[in-house]
Amino acid sequence: MARAPLGRQQLLDAARAELIDGNGVVDLHALKRRSGLSTGALYHHFGSKAGLLVAVYEQFHAGLVAAIADDTLPPGGHWGDREQARTRNFVAYHFGDPLAELLLTRIVLEPEVAELEAGALARLTASAGRNIRQGQLDGDIDPAIDAELAGACIIGAVRYGIADQLRRDPRPSIDVAAERLWNVIAGSLTIR
């Protein structure tokens, strides 16, 4: 992934750190101090504070899509084995990013980020539906299941399920959280 121009990337890095330190809130004065850049740079690169938050979310989501992409999975084999690996990659990505819990619970309340997340979830849901349909064609999933509805339900369950796992104290290990989410997915699809 290509890095953004220096001032832009400095602001993104500073915003991530401020969001984490501020529990989902970015103070512009602290952002300026941390980035070493002016408020003008923020407006130049992002148009507004909301634009900066959208860019942070876009960066997070692009990383997630890369982490769960088909080329990260074992080739061939049973649909369930591949998807169990994808579920683990999904959990590992979220557990590895300290901003994940805030993005899933607090920052998404910003209208611009909520709109962006809705689009991202729609794309993930469509992809899940196609993936489930392929599993049905391969004979690995019950063909009576509505693939598109199952995709929507699974993406919703995984999105809220990972937020729940991130909030737990003590937080489960990646393997335990992935197994919990996989059991929900596998149980809902009647995998053969």
N, C-alpha and C. Protein backbone atom coordinates (compact mmCIF):
# COMPACT_ATOMS: atom_id res chain seq x y z
N MET A 1 0.85 -1.16 0.00
CA MET A 1 0.00 0.00 0.00
C MET A 1 0.90 1.23 0.00
N ALA A 2 0.68 2.16 -0.93
CA ALA A 2 1.48 3.38 -1.02
C ALA A 2 1.14 4.31 0.15
N ARG A 3 2.17 4.97 0.64
CA ARG A 3 1.96 5.92 1.74
C ARG A 3 1.43 7.22 1.17
N ALA A 4 0.64 7.90 1.99
CA ALA A 4 0.09 9.20 1.62
C ALA A 4 1.21 10.24 1.67
N PRO A 5 1.01 11.40 1.02
CA PRO A 5 1.99 12.48 1.13
C PRO A 5 2.26 12.78 2.61
N LEU A 6 3.49 13.25 2.88
CA LEU A 6 3.97 13.38 4.25
C LEU A 6 3.01 14.10 5.18
N GLY A 7 2.57 15.30 4.86
CA GLY A 7 1.67 16.03 5.76
C GLY A 7 0.37 15.27 5.98
N ARG A 8 -0.14 14.67 4.95
CA ARG A 8 -1.38 13.90 5.06
C ARG A 8 -1.17 12.71 5.99
N GLN A 9 -0.07 11.98 5.78
CA GLN A 9 0.20 10.81 6.61
C GLN A 9 0.49 11.21 8.05
N GLN A 10 1.18 12.33 8.26
CA GLN A 10 1.42 12.80 9.62
C GLN A 10 0.10 13.05 10.34
N LEU A 11 -0.84 13.66 9.64
CA LEU A 11 -2.15 13.93 10.24
C LEU A 11 -2.90 12.63 10.52
N LEU A 12 -2.84 11.68 9.60
CA LEU A 12 -3.51 10.39 9.83
C LEU A 12 -2.92 9.68 11.04
N ASP A 13 -1.59 9.64 11.11
CA ASP A 13 -0.94 8.98 12.25
C ASP A 13 -1.29 9.70 13.56
N ALA A 14 -1.26 11.03 13.53
CA ALA A 14 -1.58 11.80 14.73
C ALA A 14 -3.04 11.60 15.13
N ALA A 15 -3.94 11.55 14.14
CA ALA A 15 -5.36 11.35 14.44
C ALA A 15 -5.60 9.98 15.07
N ARG A 16 -4.95 8.96 14.53
CA ARG A 16 -5.08 7.61 15.12
C ARG A 16 -4.64 7.64 16.59
N ALA A 17 -3.49 8.24 16.84
CA ALA A 17 -2.97 8.29 18.21
C ALA A 17 -3.89 9.10 19.11
N GLU A 18 -4.42 10.22 18.62
CA GLU A 18 -5.33 11.04 19.41
C GLU A 18 -6.64 10.32 19.69
N LEU A 19 -7.14 9.60 18.70
CA LEU A 19 -8.37 8.83 18.91
C LEU A 19 -8.18 7.79 20.00
N ILE A 20 -7.04 7.12 19.98
CA ILE A 20 -6.76 6.10 20.99
C ILE A 20 -6.60 6.75 22.35
N ASP A 21 -5.77 7.79 22.43
CA ASP A 21 -5.54 8.48 23.71
C ASP A 21 -6.80 9.17 24.23
N GLY A 22 -7.64 9.67 23.30
CA GLY A 22 -8.83 10.42 23.69
C GLY A 22 -10.09 9.59 23.73
N ASN A 23 -9.96 8.26 23.68
CA ASN A 23 -11.12 7.35 23.71
C ASN A 23 -12.17 7.71 22.66
N GLY A 24 -11.68 7.93 21.44
CA GLY A 24 -12.59 8.18 20.33
C GLY A 24 -12.82 9.65 20.01
N VAL A 25 -12.14 10.54 20.72
CA VAL A 25 -12.31 11.98 20.50
C VAL A 25 -10.98 12.57 20.04
N VAL A 26 -11.05 13.46 19.04
CA VAL A 26 -9.87 14.16 18.56
C VAL A 26 -10.01 15.64 18.89
N ASP A 27 -9.07 16.13 19.70
CA ASP A 27 -9.00 17.55 20.00
C ASP A 27 -8.06 18.19 18.97
N LEU A 28 -8.51 19.25 18.29
CA LEU A 28 -7.71 19.84 17.23
C LEU A 28 -6.39 20.41 17.73
N HIS A 29 -6.38 21.00 18.91
CA HIS A 29 -5.12 21.53 19.45
C HIS A 29 -4.12 20.41 19.71
N ALA A 30 -4.58 19.32 20.27
CA ALA A 30 -3.71 18.18 20.52
C ALA A 30 -3.24 17.56 19.20
N LEU A 31 -4.12 17.54 18.21
CA LEU A 31 -3.77 17.01 16.89
C LEU A 31 -2.67 17.86 16.25
N LYS A 32 -2.81 19.17 16.35
CA LYS A 32 -1.78 20.07 15.81
C LYS A 32 -0.45 19.83 16.52
N ARG A 33 -0.48 19.73 17.83
CA ARG A 33 0.73 19.51 18.61
C ARG A 33 1.39 18.18 18.23
N ARG A 34 0.58 17.14 18.15
CA ARG A 34 1.12 15.80 17.88
C ARG A 34 1.66 15.70 16.45
N SER A 35 0.97 16.29 15.50
CA SER A 35 1.39 16.17 14.09
C SER A 35 2.47 17.17 13.72
N GLY A 36 2.54 18.29 14.47
CA GLY A 36 3.49 19.34 14.12
C GLY A 36 3.01 20.16 12.93
N LEU A 37 1.74 20.02 12.59
CA LEU A 37 1.17 20.73 11.43
C LEU A 37 0.06 21.68 11.89
N SER A 38 -0.29 22.60 11.01
CA SER A 38 -1.32 23.59 11.34
C SER A 38 -2.72 23.05 11.04
N THR A 39 -3.69 23.78 11.56
CA THR A 39 -5.09 23.45 11.24
C THR A 39 -5.32 23.58 9.74
N GLY A 40 -4.61 24.52 9.12
CA GLY A 40 -4.72 24.69 7.66
C GLY A 40 -4.34 23.42 6.91
N ALA A 41 -3.34 22.70 7.41
CA ALA A 41 -2.95 21.44 6.76
C ALA A 41 -4.08 20.42 6.84
N LEU A 42 -4.76 20.39 7.99
CA LEU A 42 -5.91 19.49 8.15
C LEU A 42 -6.97 19.79 7.08
N TYR A 43 -7.29 21.07 6.94
CA TYR A 43 -8.33 21.45 5.97
C TYR A 43 -7.85 21.24 4.54
N HIS A 44 -6.57 21.45 4.30
CA HIS A 44 -6.02 21.25 2.96
C HIS A 44 -6.14 19.78 2.55
N HIS A 45 -5.75 18.89 3.45
CA HIS A 45 -5.72 17.46 3.10
C HIS A 45 -7.08 16.76 3.24
N PHE A 46 -7.91 17.20 4.18
CA PHE A 46 -9.14 16.45 4.49
C PHE A 46 -10.42 17.27 4.42
N GLY A 47 -10.31 18.58 4.31
CA GLY A 47 -11.50 19.42 4.20
C GLY A 47 -12.15 19.75 5.53
N SER A 48 -12.04 18.86 6.50
CA SER A 48 -12.67 19.06 7.80
C SER A 48 -12.18 17.97 8.75
N LYS A 49 -12.52 18.14 10.01
CA LYS A 49 -12.21 17.11 11.00
C LYS A 49 -12.95 15.81 10.65
N ALA A 50 -14.19 15.94 10.19
CA ALA A 50 -14.95 14.76 9.78
C ALA A 50 -14.26 14.05 8.62
N GLY A 51 -13.70 14.83 7.69
CA GLY A 51 -12.97 14.25 6.56
C GLY A 51 -11.76 13.47 7.02
N LEU A 52 -11.10 13.96 8.08
CA LEU A 52 -9.97 13.24 8.66
C LEU A 52 -10.42 11.92 9.27
N LEU A 53 -11.54 11.93 10.00
CA LEU A 53 -12.06 10.70 10.60
C LEU A 53 -12.45 9.69 9.52
N VAL A 54 -13.03 10.18 8.43
CA VAL A 54 -13.38 9.29 7.32
C VAL A 54 -12.12 8.65 6.75
N ALA A 55 -11.06 9.44 6.60
CA ALA A 55 -9.81 8.90 6.06
C ALA A 55 -9.20 7.85 7.00
N VAL A 56 -9.30 8.07 8.30
CA VAL A 56 -8.81 7.09 9.27
C VAL A 56 -9.61 5.79 9.11
N TYR A 57 -10.94 5.90 9.00
CA TYR A 57 -11.77 4.71 8.83
C TYR A 57 -11.45 4.01 7.51
N GLU A 58 -11.29 4.79 6.44
CA GLU A 58 -10.97 4.19 5.14
C GLU A 58 -9.67 3.41 5.20
N GLN A 59 -8.67 3.97 5.88
CA GLN A 59 -7.38 3.30 6.02
C GLN A 59 -7.55 1.99 6.80
N PHE A 60 -8.31 2.04 7.89
CA PHE A 60 -8.57 0.84 8.68
C PHE A 60 -9.29 -0.21 7.83
N HIS A 61 -10.33 0.19 7.12
CA HIS A 61 -11.11 -0.76 6.32
C HIS A 61 -10.29 -1.35 5.18
N ALA A 62 -9.45 -0.54 4.55
CA ALA A 62 -8.59 -1.07 3.48
C ALA A 62 -7.65 -2.14 4.04
N GLY A 63 -7.14 -1.92 5.23
CA GLY A 63 -6.30 -2.93 5.87
C GLY A 63 -7.07 -4.20 6.17
N LEU A 64 -8.31 -4.05 6.61
CA LEU A 64 -9.15 -5.21 6.90
C LEU A 64 -9.42 -6.01 5.63
N VAL A 65 -9.78 -5.34 4.56
CA VAL A 65 -10.05 -6.02 3.30
C VAL A 65 -8.82 -6.79 2.84
N ALA A 66 -7.64 -6.18 2.99
CA ALA A 66 -6.40 -6.87 2.61
C ALA A 66 -6.14 -8.08 3.51
N ALA A 67 -6.45 -7.95 4.80
CA ALA A 67 -6.19 -9.03 5.76
C ALA A 67 -7.07 -10.25 5.53
N ILE A 68 -8.26 -10.05 4.97
CA ILE A 68 -9.19 -11.18 4.76
C ILE A 68 -9.34 -11.56 3.29
N ALA A 69 -8.49 -11.01 2.44
CA ALA A 69 -8.56 -11.29 1.00
C ALA A 69 -8.30 -12.76 0.71
N ASP A 70 -8.81 -13.21 -0.42
CA ASP A 70 -8.66 -14.61 -0.81
C ASP A 70 -7.20 -15.06 -0.85
N ASP A 71 -6.28 -14.16 -1.24
CA ASP A 71 -4.88 -14.57 -1.35
C ASP A 71 -4.20 -14.77 0.01
N THR A 72 -4.91 -14.49 1.11
CA THR A 72 -4.37 -14.75 2.45
C THR A 72 -4.82 -16.11 2.98
N LEU A 73 -5.63 -16.82 2.20
CA LEU A 73 -6.23 -18.08 2.65
C LEU A 73 -5.54 -19.27 2.03
N PRO A 74 -5.65 -20.43 2.69
CA PRO A 74 -5.07 -21.65 2.08
C PRO A 74 -5.79 -21.96 0.77
N PRO A 75 -5.04 -22.29 -0.27
CA PRO A 75 -5.68 -22.56 -1.57
C PRO A 75 -6.46 -23.87 -1.57
N GLY A 76 -7.49 -23.89 -2.42
CA GLY A 76 -8.28 -25.11 -2.60
C GLY A 76 -8.94 -25.57 -1.32
N GLY A 77 -9.25 -26.83 -1.27
CA GLY A 77 -9.83 -27.40 -0.06
C GLY A 77 -11.28 -27.08 0.14
N HIS A 78 -11.74 -27.39 1.31
CA HIS A 78 -13.14 -27.24 1.68
C HIS A 78 -13.46 -25.78 1.98
N TRP A 79 -14.65 -25.36 1.60
CA TRP A 79 -15.09 -23.99 1.85
C TRP A 79 -14.95 -23.63 3.33
N GLY A 80 -15.35 -24.52 4.21
CA GLY A 80 -15.30 -24.25 5.64
C GLY A 80 -13.89 -24.01 6.15
N ASP A 81 -12.91 -24.75 5.61
CA ASP A 81 -11.53 -24.56 6.05
C ASP A 81 -11.02 -23.17 5.65
N ARG A 82 -11.33 -22.78 4.42
CA ARG A 82 -10.90 -21.44 3.96
C ARG A 82 -11.57 -20.34 4.80
N GLU A 83 -12.87 -20.50 5.02
CA GLU A 83 -13.59 -19.45 5.74
C GLU A 83 -13.25 -19.39 7.22
N GLN A 84 -12.89 -20.52 7.78
CA GLN A 84 -12.42 -20.51 9.17
C GLN A 84 -11.10 -19.73 9.25
N ALA A 85 -10.23 -19.91 8.25
CA ALA A 85 -8.98 -19.14 8.21
C ALA A 85 -9.27 -17.65 8.01
N ARG A 86 -10.24 -17.32 7.17
CA ARG A 86 -10.61 -15.92 6.95
C ARG A 86 -11.14 -15.30 8.25
N THR A 87 -11.93 -16.08 8.99
CA THR A 87 -12.47 -15.59 10.27
C THR A 87 -11.33 -15.30 11.23
N ARG A 88 -10.34 -16.18 11.28
CA ARG A 88 -9.20 -15.93 12.16
C ARG A 88 -8.43 -14.68 11.73
N ASN A 89 -8.25 -14.49 10.41
CA ASN A 89 -7.58 -13.29 9.92
C ASN A 89 -8.35 -12.03 10.31
N PHE A 90 -9.67 -12.10 10.24
CA PHE A 90 -10.55 -10.99 10.61
C PHE A 90 -10.34 -10.64 12.09
N VAL A 91 -10.34 -11.65 12.93
CA VAL A 91 -10.16 -11.43 14.36
C VAL A 91 -8.76 -10.89 14.64
N ALA A 92 -7.74 -11.49 14.04
CA ALA A 92 -6.37 -11.05 14.28
C ALA A 92 -6.18 -9.60 13.86
N TYR A 93 -6.78 -9.21 12.75
CA TYR A 93 -6.65 -7.81 12.31
C TYR A 93 -7.27 -6.86 13.34
N HIS A 94 -8.45 -7.16 13.80
CA HIS A 94 -9.11 -6.31 14.78
C HIS A 94 -8.37 -6.30 16.12
N PHE A 95 -7.92 -7.46 16.56
CA PHE A 95 -7.21 -7.53 17.84
C PHE A 95 -5.85 -6.84 17.75
N GLY A 96 -5.29 -6.77 16.57
CA GLY A 96 -3.98 -6.16 16.38
C GLY A 96 -4.00 -4.66 16.22
N ASP A 97 -5.16 -4.08 16.07
CA ASP A 97 -5.26 -2.62 15.88
C ASP A 97 -5.96 -2.00 17.08
N PRO A 98 -5.25 -1.21 17.87
CA PRO A 98 -5.87 -0.62 19.07
C PRO A 98 -7.02 0.33 18.76
N LEU A 99 -7.16 0.72 17.51
CA LEU A 99 -8.24 1.62 17.13
C LEU A 99 -9.53 0.86 16.80
N ALA A 100 -9.45 -0.45 16.62
CA ALA A 100 -10.59 -1.24 16.16
C ALA A 100 -11.83 -1.08 17.04
N GLU A 101 -11.67 -1.23 18.34
CA GLU A 101 -12.84 -1.14 19.23
C GLU A 101 -13.49 0.23 19.13
N LEU A 102 -12.71 1.28 19.08
CA LEU A 102 -13.27 2.63 18.97
C LEU A 102 -13.97 2.84 17.64
N LEU A 103 -13.39 2.31 16.57
CA LEU A 103 -14.03 2.45 15.26
C LEU A 103 -15.36 1.73 15.21
N LEU A 104 -15.45 0.61 15.89
CA LEU A 104 -16.68 -0.17 15.87
C LEU A 104 -17.75 0.33 16.83
N THR A 105 -17.35 1.11 17.83
CA THR A 105 -18.32 1.49 18.85
C THR A 105 -18.56 2.99 18.98
N ARG A 106 -17.52 3.80 18.91
CA ARG A 106 -17.69 5.22 19.18
C ARG A 106 -17.61 6.08 17.92
N ILE A 107 -16.57 5.89 17.13
CA ILE A 107 -16.32 6.78 16.00
C ILE A 107 -17.38 6.60 14.92
N VAL A 108 -17.93 5.41 14.82
CA VAL A 108 -18.94 5.15 13.79
C VAL A 108 -20.19 6.01 14.02
N LEU A 109 -20.32 6.61 15.17
CA LEU A 109 -21.47 7.48 15.45
C LEU A 109 -21.38 8.80 14.69
N GLU A 110 -20.18 9.17 14.22
CA GLU A 110 -20.04 10.36 13.39
C GLU A 110 -20.79 10.11 12.08
N PRO A 111 -21.68 11.03 11.67
CA PRO A 111 -22.51 10.78 10.48
C PRO A 111 -21.72 10.41 9.23
N GLU A 112 -20.61 11.09 8.97
CA GLU A 112 -19.83 10.79 7.77
C GLU A 112 -19.21 9.40 7.83
N VAL A 113 -18.76 9.01 9.01
CA VAL A 113 -18.17 7.68 9.17
C VAL A 113 -19.26 6.62 9.12
N ALA A 114 -20.41 6.91 9.69
CA ALA A 114 -21.53 5.96 9.64
C ALA A 114 -21.94 5.68 8.20
N GLU A 115 -21.96 6.71 7.39
CA GLU A 115 -22.31 6.54 5.98
C GLU A 115 -21.26 5.68 5.27
N LEU A 116 -20.00 5.95 5.56
CA LEU A 116 -18.92 5.17 4.97
C LEU A 116 -18.99 3.71 5.41
N GLU A 117 -19.23 3.50 6.71
CA GLU A 117 -19.33 2.13 7.22
C GLU A 117 -20.52 1.40 6.57
N ALA A 118 -21.62 2.08 6.37
CA ALA A 118 -22.78 1.45 5.74
C ALA A 118 -22.41 0.94 4.35
N GLY A 119 -21.67 1.74 3.59
CA GLY A 119 -21.23 1.30 2.27
C GLY A 119 -20.27 0.12 2.35
N ALA A 120 -19.34 0.19 3.31
CA ALA A 120 -18.38 -0.90 3.48
C ALA A 120 -19.10 -2.19 3.86
N LEU A 121 -20.06 -2.08 4.78
CA LEU A 121 -20.82 -3.27 5.19
C LEU A 121 -21.65 -3.83 4.03
N ALA A 122 -22.19 -2.95 3.19
CA ALA A 122 -22.95 -3.42 2.03
C ALA A 122 -22.05 -4.20 1.07
N ARG A 123 -20.83 -3.72 0.86
CA ARG A 123 -19.89 -4.45 -0.02
C ARG A 123 -19.48 -5.78 0.60
N LEU A 124 -19.21 -5.79 1.90
CA LEU A 124 -18.86 -7.04 2.58
C LEU A 124 -20.01 -8.04 2.53
N THR A 125 -21.23 -7.53 2.70
CA THR A 125 -22.42 -8.39 2.67
C THR A 125 -22.62 -9.01 1.29
N ALA A 126 -22.46 -8.21 0.24
CA ALA A 126 -22.60 -8.72 -1.13
C ALA A 126 -21.53 -9.78 -1.40
N SER A 127 -20.31 -9.51 -0.96
CA SER A 127 -19.21 -10.46 -1.14
C SER A 127 -19.49 -11.76 -0.37
N ALA A 128 -20.00 -11.64 0.85
CA ALA A 128 -20.33 -12.83 1.64
C ALA A 128 -21.41 -13.65 0.96
N GLY A 129 -22.41 -12.99 0.39
CA GLY A 129 -23.47 -13.71 -0.32
C GLY A 129 -22.92 -14.49 -1.50
N ARG A 130 -22.03 -13.85 -2.28
CA ARG A 130 -21.40 -14.54 -3.42
C ARG A 130 -20.55 -15.71 -2.94
N ASN A 131 -19.84 -15.50 -1.86
CA ASN A 131 -18.99 -16.54 -1.31
C ASN A 131 -19.81 -17.75 -0.84
N ILE A 132 -20.90 -17.48 -0.17
CA ILE A 132 -21.77 -18.56 0.29
C ILE A 132 -22.38 -19.30 -0.90
N ARG A 133 -22.80 -18.54 -1.91
CA ARG A 133 -23.35 -19.17 -3.12
C ARG A 133 -22.32 -20.11 -3.74
N GLN A 134 -21.04 -19.69 -3.77
CA GLN A 134 -20.00 -20.55 -4.32
C GLN A 134 -19.84 -21.80 -3.46
N GLY A 135 -19.91 -21.64 -2.15
CA GLY A 135 -19.86 -22.80 -1.26
C GLY A 135 -21.00 -23.78 -1.52
N GLN A 136 -22.16 -23.23 -1.86
CA GLN A 136 -23.30 -24.09 -2.22
C GLN A 136 -23.03 -24.82 -3.53
N LEU A 137 -22.50 -24.09 -4.52
CA LEU A 137 -22.20 -24.72 -5.81
C LEU A 137 -21.14 -25.80 -5.67
N ASP A 138 -20.21 -25.61 -4.73
CA ASP A 138 -19.16 -26.61 -4.48
C ASP A 138 -19.68 -27.79 -3.67
N GLY A 139 -20.90 -27.70 -3.16
CA GLY A 139 -21.49 -28.78 -2.38
C GLY A 139 -21.11 -28.76 -0.91
N ASP A 140 -20.52 -27.65 -0.44
CA ASP A 140 -20.06 -27.58 0.94
C ASP A 140 -21.09 -26.96 1.89
N ILE A 141 -22.11 -26.29 1.32
CA ILE A 141 -23.13 -25.62 2.13
C ILE A 141 -24.51 -26.04 1.63
N ASP A 142 -25.44 -26.21 2.53
CA ASP A 142 -26.82 -26.57 2.21
C ASP A 142 -27.37 -25.61 1.15
N PRO A 143 -27.81 -26.13 -0.01
CA PRO A 143 -28.30 -25.27 -1.08
C PRO A 143 -29.65 -24.62 -0.76
N ALA A 144 -30.34 -25.07 0.26
CA ALA A 144 -31.64 -24.48 0.60
C ALA A 144 -31.50 -23.14 1.31
N ILE A 145 -30.30 -22.81 1.77
CA ILE A 145 -30.08 -21.54 2.49
C ILE A 145 -30.07 -20.39 1.49
N ASP A 146 -30.74 -19.31 1.82
CA ASP A 146 -30.72 -18.09 1.01
C ASP A 146 -29.35 -17.44 1.19
N ALA A 147 -28.49 -17.51 0.17
CA ALA A 147 -27.10 -17.08 0.28
C ALA A 147 -26.99 -15.60 0.62
N GLU A 148 -27.81 -14.77 -0.02
CA GLU A 148 -27.71 -13.33 0.22
C GLU A 148 -28.16 -12.97 1.64
N LEU A 149 -29.24 -13.58 2.09
CA LEU A 149 -29.71 -13.34 3.45
C LEU A 149 -28.68 -13.86 4.46
N ALA A 150 -28.15 -15.03 4.21
CA ALA A 150 -27.13 -15.59 5.11
C ALA A 150 -25.91 -14.68 5.16
N GLY A 151 -25.51 -14.15 4.01
CA GLY A 151 -24.36 -13.23 3.98
C GLY A 151 -24.61 -12.00 4.82
N ALA A 152 -25.81 -11.43 4.70
CA ALA A 152 -26.16 -10.24 5.50
C ALA A 152 -26.17 -10.57 6.98
N CYS A 153 -26.75 -11.69 7.34
CA CYS A 153 -26.82 -12.08 8.76
C CYS A 153 -25.44 -12.35 9.32
N ILE A 154 -24.60 -13.00 8.56
CA ILE A 154 -23.26 -13.34 9.04
C ILE A 154 -22.42 -12.08 9.19
N ILE A 155 -22.45 -11.19 8.22
CA ILE A 155 -21.66 -9.96 8.33
C ILE A 155 -22.13 -9.16 9.54
N GLY A 156 -23.42 -9.07 9.77
CA GLY A 156 -23.93 -8.38 10.95
C GLY A 156 -23.46 -9.04 12.24
N ALA A 157 -23.55 -10.36 12.28
CA ALA A 157 -23.14 -11.09 13.48
C ALA A 157 -21.64 -10.95 13.73
N VAL A 158 -20.85 -11.02 12.68
CA VAL A 158 -19.41 -10.91 12.83
C VAL A 158 -19.02 -9.49 13.25
N ARG A 159 -19.66 -8.49 12.68
CA ARG A 159 -19.35 -7.10 13.02
C ARG A 159 -19.64 -6.82 14.49
N TYR A 160 -20.82 -7.21 14.95
CA TYR A 160 -21.17 -6.98 16.36
C TYR A 160 -20.47 -7.98 17.28
N GLY A 161 -20.22 -9.17 16.77
CA GLY A 161 -19.52 -10.17 17.57
C GLY A 161 -18.08 -9.77 17.85
N ILE A 162 -17.40 -9.20 16.87
CA ILE A 162 -16.02 -8.78 17.12
C ILE A 162 -15.99 -7.60 18.08
N ALA A 163 -16.95 -6.70 17.97
CA ALA A 163 -17.02 -5.58 18.93
C ALA A 163 -17.20 -6.12 20.35
N ASP A 164 -18.04 -7.12 20.50
CA ASP A 164 -18.26 -7.73 21.81
C ASP A 164 -16.98 -8.37 22.33
N GLN A 165 -16.27 -9.11 21.48
CA GLN A 165 -15.03 -9.77 21.90
C GLN A 165 -13.95 -8.75 22.28
N LEU A 166 -13.90 -7.62 21.56
CA LEU A 166 -12.92 -6.58 21.86
C LEU A 166 -13.18 -5.90 23.21
N ARG A 167 -14.45 -5.83 23.61
CA ARG A 167 -14.81 -5.16 24.86
C ARG A 167 -14.66 -6.04 26.09
N ARG A 168 -14.55 -7.34 25.89
CA ARG A 168 -14.52 -8.25 27.05
C ARG A 168 -13.27 -8.04 27.90
N ASP A 169 -13.47 -8.21 29.19
CA ASP A 169 -12.37 -8.09 30.13
C ASP A 169 -12.39 -9.29 31.06
N PRO A 170 -11.49 -10.20 30.93
CA PRO A 170 -10.32 -10.14 30.07
C PRO A 170 -10.69 -10.47 28.61
N ARG A 171 -9.94 -9.89 27.72
CA ARG A 171 -10.17 -10.13 26.30
C ARG A 171 -9.72 -11.55 25.97
N PRO A 172 -10.52 -12.29 25.20
CA PRO A 172 -10.11 -13.65 24.83
C PRO A 172 -8.90 -13.60 23.89
N SER A 173 -8.24 -14.72 23.75
CA SER A 173 -7.15 -14.79 22.78
C SER A 173 -7.74 -14.72 21.37
N ILE A 174 -6.89 -14.47 20.41
CA ILE A 174 -7.32 -14.45 19.01
C ILE A 174 -7.95 -15.79 18.64
N ASP A 175 -7.32 -16.87 19.03
CA ASP A 175 -7.83 -18.19 18.67
C ASP A 175 -9.20 -18.46 19.29
N VAL A 176 -9.39 -18.09 20.54
CA VAL A 176 -10.68 -18.31 21.21
C VAL A 176 -11.75 -17.44 20.56
N ALA A 177 -11.46 -16.18 20.32
CA ALA A 177 -12.45 -15.29 19.70
C ALA A 177 -12.79 -15.77 18.29
N ALA A 178 -11.79 -16.20 17.54
CA ALA A 178 -12.03 -16.69 16.18
C ALA A 178 -12.90 -17.95 16.21
N GLU A 179 -12.62 -18.84 17.15
CA GLU A 179 -13.42 -20.06 17.26
C GLU A 179 -14.87 -19.73 17.61
N ARG A 180 -15.07 -18.79 18.52
CA ARG A 180 -16.43 -18.39 18.89
C ARG A 180 -17.19 -17.84 17.67
N LEU A 181 -16.54 -16.96 16.93
CA LEU A 181 -17.21 -16.41 15.74
C LEU A 181 -17.44 -17.49 14.69
N TRP A 182 -16.44 -18.35 14.48
CA TRP A 182 -16.58 -19.41 13.49
C TRP A 182 -17.74 -20.34 13.86
N ASN A 183 -17.91 -20.66 15.12
CA ASN A 183 -19.01 -21.54 15.53
C ASN A 183 -20.35 -20.93 15.18
N VAL A 184 -20.49 -19.64 15.30
CA VAL A 184 -21.74 -18.96 14.91
C VAL A 184 -21.94 -19.07 13.39
N ILE A 185 -20.88 -18.80 12.64
CA ILE A 185 -20.96 -18.86 11.17
C ILE A 185 -21.28 -20.28 10.71
N ALA A 186 -20.50 -21.23 11.18
CA ALA A 186 -20.68 -22.63 10.74
C ALA A 186 -22.04 -23.16 11.13
N GLY A 187 -22.49 -22.82 12.33
CA GLY A 187 -23.79 -23.29 12.78
C GLY A 187 -24.95 -22.74 11.99
N SER A 188 -24.79 -21.53 11.48
CA SER A 188 -25.88 -20.92 10.73
C SER A 188 -25.96 -21.41 9.28
N LEU A 189 -24.88 -21.98 8.78
CA LEU A 189 -24.84 -22.36 7.35
C LEU A 189 -25.02 -23.84 7.08
N THR A 190 -25.11 -24.66 8.09
CA THR A 190 -25.20 -26.11 7.91
C THR A 190 -24.12 -26.58 6.93
N ILE A 191 -22.88 -26.31 7.29
CA ILE A 191 -21.76 -26.71 6.44
C ILE A 191 -21.65 -28.21 6.42
N ARG A 192 -21.44 -28.73 5.23
CA ARG A 192 -21.37 -30.20 5.03
C ARG A 192 -19.96 -30.70 5.14
